[in-house]
Structures are given as C-alpha cells and as structure tokens.
C-alpha cells in the first residue's frame, strides 16, 4: 500500500447549535457548526435531508443558493433564509 498523502489534517474547537423549527411548508432540523475554518461562515447541516452548506451573509443573498444546496422550493428556501438571517 502506498503512503497516504494528506492535504491537511487539523483539529480545532467548534461550537454547534442544534435547532428544529416548523415553517409553513416544512420542518427544519439543523446543526449549525461555528469554527475558524470557514472565515466567519458557518457549516449548516440539514439533518433530515443529509445536505449541508457553508453559509455566510453573502450566500443568503445569492439567488438560488439555498434552493440548490438543500434541494428546496422557493417558498421552503425563504423560510430557511429568514431563520438564517437571524443567526449568520
């Protein structure tokens, strides 16, 4: 077996917030991970859909970003966007 080539292998302290809320169209179960790794952005995991994205305030303004990342309709994405504006 050849030697494994690592691009990086770092460990750091993180803070994780688990939140669940019911929107008009869908329930969201999220794990929101904050670390220094993503330059002020947060890793937002949707536990129910097994999808995640690295999100900052600029990403929330990007048309279609949440829809694509989480496979959501426009209405569902707007509910998630509204919540994320409060915490990002």
Protein backbone atom coordinates (compact mmCIF):
# COMPACT_ATOMS: atom_id res chain seq x y z
CA UNK A 1 0.00 0.00 0.00
CA UNK A 2 1.32 3.46 -0.89
CA UNK A 3 1.73 6.15 1.72
CA UNK A 4 -1.34 8.34 2.26
CA UNK A 5 -0.95 11.91 1.00
CA UNK A 6 -2.76 14.39 3.29
CA UNK A 7 -3.70 17.83 2.07
CA UNK A 8 -4.36 18.75 5.69
CA UNK A 9 -5.22 17.03 8.97
CA UNK A 10 -6.22 19.66 11.52
CA UNK A 11 -8.24 19.65 14.71
CA UNK A 12 -9.94 22.67 16.21
CA UNK A 13 -12.55 23.56 18.77
CA UNK A 14 -16.04 24.17 17.38
CA UNK A 15 -19.39 25.30 18.71
CA UNK A 16 -22.50 23.50 17.48
CA UNK A 17 -26.08 24.69 17.82
CA UNK A 18 -28.89 22.21 17.23
CA UNK A 19 -32.20 23.81 16.30
CA UNK A 20 -35.50 22.49 14.99
CA UNK A 21 -38.37 24.64 13.77
CA UNK A 22 -41.52 24.22 11.77
CA UNK A 23 -42.08 26.54 8.83
CA UNK A 24 -45.26 26.96 6.84
CA UNK A 25 -44.06 24.39 4.29
CA UNK A 26 -41.51 22.16 6.03
CA UNK A 27 -39.81 21.20 9.27
CA UNK A 28 -36.12 22.03 9.59
CA UNK A 29 -33.73 20.11 11.84
CA UNK A 30 -30.38 21.86 11.68
CA UNK A 31 -26.93 21.53 13.17
CA UNK A 32 -25.05 24.82 12.86
CA UNK A 33 -21.29 24.49 13.33
CA UNK A 34 -19.17 27.54 14.03
CA UNK A 35 -15.40 27.35 13.70
CA UNK A 36 -12.47 29.43 12.47
CA UNK A 37 -12.11 27.15 9.45
CA UNK A 38 -14.59 28.89 7.15
CA UNK A 39 -13.60 32.55 7.60
CA UNK A 40 -16.68 33.68 9.52
CA UNK A 41 -19.13 31.45 7.69
CA UNK A 42 -20.99 28.60 9.34
CA UNK A 43 -21.43 24.98 8.34
CA UNK A 44 -25.20 24.39 8.28
CA UNK A 45 -26.27 20.75 8.19
CA UNK A 46 -29.86 19.76 7.47
CA UNK A 47 -30.16 16.52 9.43
CA UNK A 48 -33.35 15.36 7.71
CA UNK A 49 -32.13 15.74 4.12
CA UNK A 50 -28.46 14.87 4.77
CA UNK A 51 -27.42 18.07 2.98
CA UNK A 52 -25.09 20.81 4.13
CA UNK A 53 -23.59 24.10 3.01
CA UNK A 54 -21.06 26.64 4.21
CA UNK A 55 -23.11 29.79 4.65
CA UNK A 56 -22.34 33.43 5.31
CA UNK A 57 -24.45 36.54 4.97
CA UNK A 58 -23.36 36.96 1.33
CA UNK A 59 -24.58 33.45 0.48
CA UNK A 60 -28.06 34.24 1.78
CA UNK A 61 -28.34 36.99 -0.84
CA UNK A 62 -27.18 34.73 -3.69
CA UNK A 63 -30.22 33.82 -5.84
CA UNK A 64 -30.95 30.08 -5.81
CA UNK A 65 -28.14 29.21 -3.37
CA UNK A 66 -30.27 27.68 -0.64
CA UNK A 67 -32.66 26.13 -3.15
CA UNK A 68 -29.79 24.27 -4.78
CA UNK A 69 -27.78 23.42 -1.66
CA UNK A 70 -30.74 21.96 0.24
CA UNK A 71 -32.96 20.92 -2.70
CA UNK A 72 -35.78 23.25 -1.59
CA UNK A 73 -38.61 25.03 -3.31
CA UNK A 74 -38.51 28.84 -3.37
CA UNK A 75 -41.03 29.00 -0.50
CA UNK A 76 -39.13 26.49 1.65
CA UNK A 77 -35.83 28.25 0.97
CA UNK A 78 -37.32 31.59 2.02
CA UNK A 79 -38.32 30.09 5.40
CA UNK A 80 -34.79 28.81 5.92
CA UNK A 81 -33.27 32.08 4.68
CA UNK A 82 -35.40 34.06 7.13
CA UNK A 83 -34.14 31.96 10.04
CA UNK A 84 -30.51 32.03 8.91
CA UNK A 85 -30.58 35.85 8.60
CA UNK A 86 -31.15 35.88 12.38
CA UNK A 87 -28.03 33.85 13.18
CA UNK A 88 -25.49 34.44 10.37
